[in-house]
Every structure is written in structure tokens, then in C-alpha cells.
């Protein structure tokens, strides 16, 4: 659940939820994550917030982006 008034920025809350889906196997390696539009729809956030959440996942090393293709779940650490 997203708390827009909480101490954690909304983009980080979205990133944490998606990171949880990656760690529990709902989103699997080398498969696409939800599009920005899908994130906007699911979480009721602005497109910029969705974009920033994906950037946060990229900085954490959980996803990678392929130009003209999309963003994919990275290889899990052994």
C-alpha cells in the first residue's frame, strides 16, 4: 500500500514493492518488469514517479534496461 504522506518517498515505496516481487519470484530474471504505464495504473502515481522507481531499481542492480525493448529483471545473486 502506498502512503503518500509517509516519511518514505512514494517512488521508493513503489520500488520497494517491485523489489519484493523480484525477490519472491513474482518477477523472474530476464523477463520484463511492468511498463511505466502499468505502474502508473496499478499504484496511482505520476509517470515521473514510476520512472524514478524504475531508476531506483536500476541503481540497486535489480533490473537492466535494453534500449527500444524495455526494462528487465536482472540475474539473481547466487
Protein backbone atom coordinates (compact mmCIF):
# COMPACT_ATOMS: atom_id res chain seq x y z
CA UNK A 1 0.00 0.00 0.00
CA UNK A 2 1.38 3.40 -0.97
CA UNK A 3 1.39 6.09 1.75
CA UNK A 4 1.80 9.46 0.02
CA UNK A 5 2.09 11.26 3.37
CA UNK A 6 4.62 8.88 4.92
CA UNK A 7 8.31 9.55 5.55
CA UNK A 8 9.44 7.29 2.67
CA UNK A 9 9.20 8.94 -0.78
CA UNK A 10 6.48 7.46 -2.99
CA UNK A 11 8.94 6.41 -5.71
CA UNK A 12 10.92 4.45 -3.13
CA UNK A 13 7.76 2.79 -1.82
CA UNK A 14 6.90 1.66 -5.37
CA UNK A 15 10.49 0.48 -5.91
CA UNK A 16 10.38 -1.47 -2.64
CA UNK A 17 7.15 -3.22 -3.67
CA UNK A 18 8.60 -4.15 -7.07
CA UNK A 19 11.87 -5.27 -5.41
CA UNK A 20 9.79 -7.52 -3.16
CA UNK A 21 8.12 -9.06 -6.21
CA UNK A 22 11.56 -9.72 -7.69
CA UNK A 23 12.90 -11.31 -4.51
CA UNK A 24 9.87 -13.59 -4.01
CA UNK A 25 9.91 -14.71 -7.65
CA UNK A 26 6.78 -12.99 -8.96
CA UNK A 27 9.04 -11.14 -11.41
CA UNK A 28 11.67 -13.51 -12.79
CA UNK A 29 15.13 -12.96 -14.26
CA UNK A 30 15.37 -11.76 -17.86
CA UNK A 31 11.62 -11.10 -18.10
CA UNK A 32 10.22 -7.57 -18.39
CA UNK A 33 9.01 -5.65 -15.39
CA UNK A 34 5.70 -3.80 -15.66
CA UNK A 35 5.81 -0.81 -18.01
CA UNK A 36 5.74 2.74 -16.65
CA UNK A 37 2.13 2.97 -17.80
CA UNK A 38 1.26 -0.21 -15.90
CA UNK A 39 2.99 1.10 -12.76
CA UNK A 40 1.07 4.39 -13.08
CA UNK A 41 -2.19 2.46 -13.39
CA UNK A 42 -1.53 -0.02 -10.58
CA UNK A 43 -0.19 2.39 -7.97
CA UNK A 44 -1.98 5.59 -8.97
CA UNK A 45 1.25 7.57 -9.25
CA UNK A 46 2.53 10.06 -11.79
CA UNK A 47 4.60 8.84 -14.73
CA UNK A 48 7.67 10.65 -13.36
CA UNK A 49 7.26 8.77 -10.08
CA UNK A 50 7.07 5.47 -11.95
CA UNK A 51 10.16 6.38 -13.95
CA UNK A 52 12.04 7.28 -10.76
CA UNK A 53 11.01 3.98 -9.13
CA UNK A 54 12.44 2.06 -12.10
CA UNK A 55 15.63 4.14 -11.90
CA UNK A 56 15.88 3.23 -8.21
CA UNK A 57 15.64 -0.47 -9.09
CA UNK A 58 18.32 0.02 -11.75
CA UNK A 59 20.61 1.72 -9.20
CA UNK A 60 20.10 -1.22 -6.83
CA UNK A 61 21.18 -3.57 -9.62
CA UNK A 62 17.85 -5.40 -9.67
CA UNK A 63 16.89 -4.51 -13.26
CA UNK A 64 18.54 -3.51 -16.51
CA UNK A 65 17.20 -1.55 -19.45
CA UNK A 66 17.59 -2.53 -23.10
CA UNK A 67 17.10 0.47 -25.41
CA UNK A 68 13.98 0.19 -27.56
CA UNK A 69 12.99 -3.02 -25.72
CA UNK A 70 12.20 -2.27 -22.08
CA UNK A 71 13.40 -2.95 -18.58
CA UNK A 72 14.06 -6.48 -17.43
CA UNK A 73 14.72 -8.24 -14.13
CA UNK A 74 18.43 -8.81 -13.61
CA UNK A 75 20.15 -12.08 -12.85
CA UNK A 76 19.67 -13.03 -9.17
CA UNK A 77 22.74 -13.13 -6.98
CA UNK A 78 23.88 -16.60 -6.01
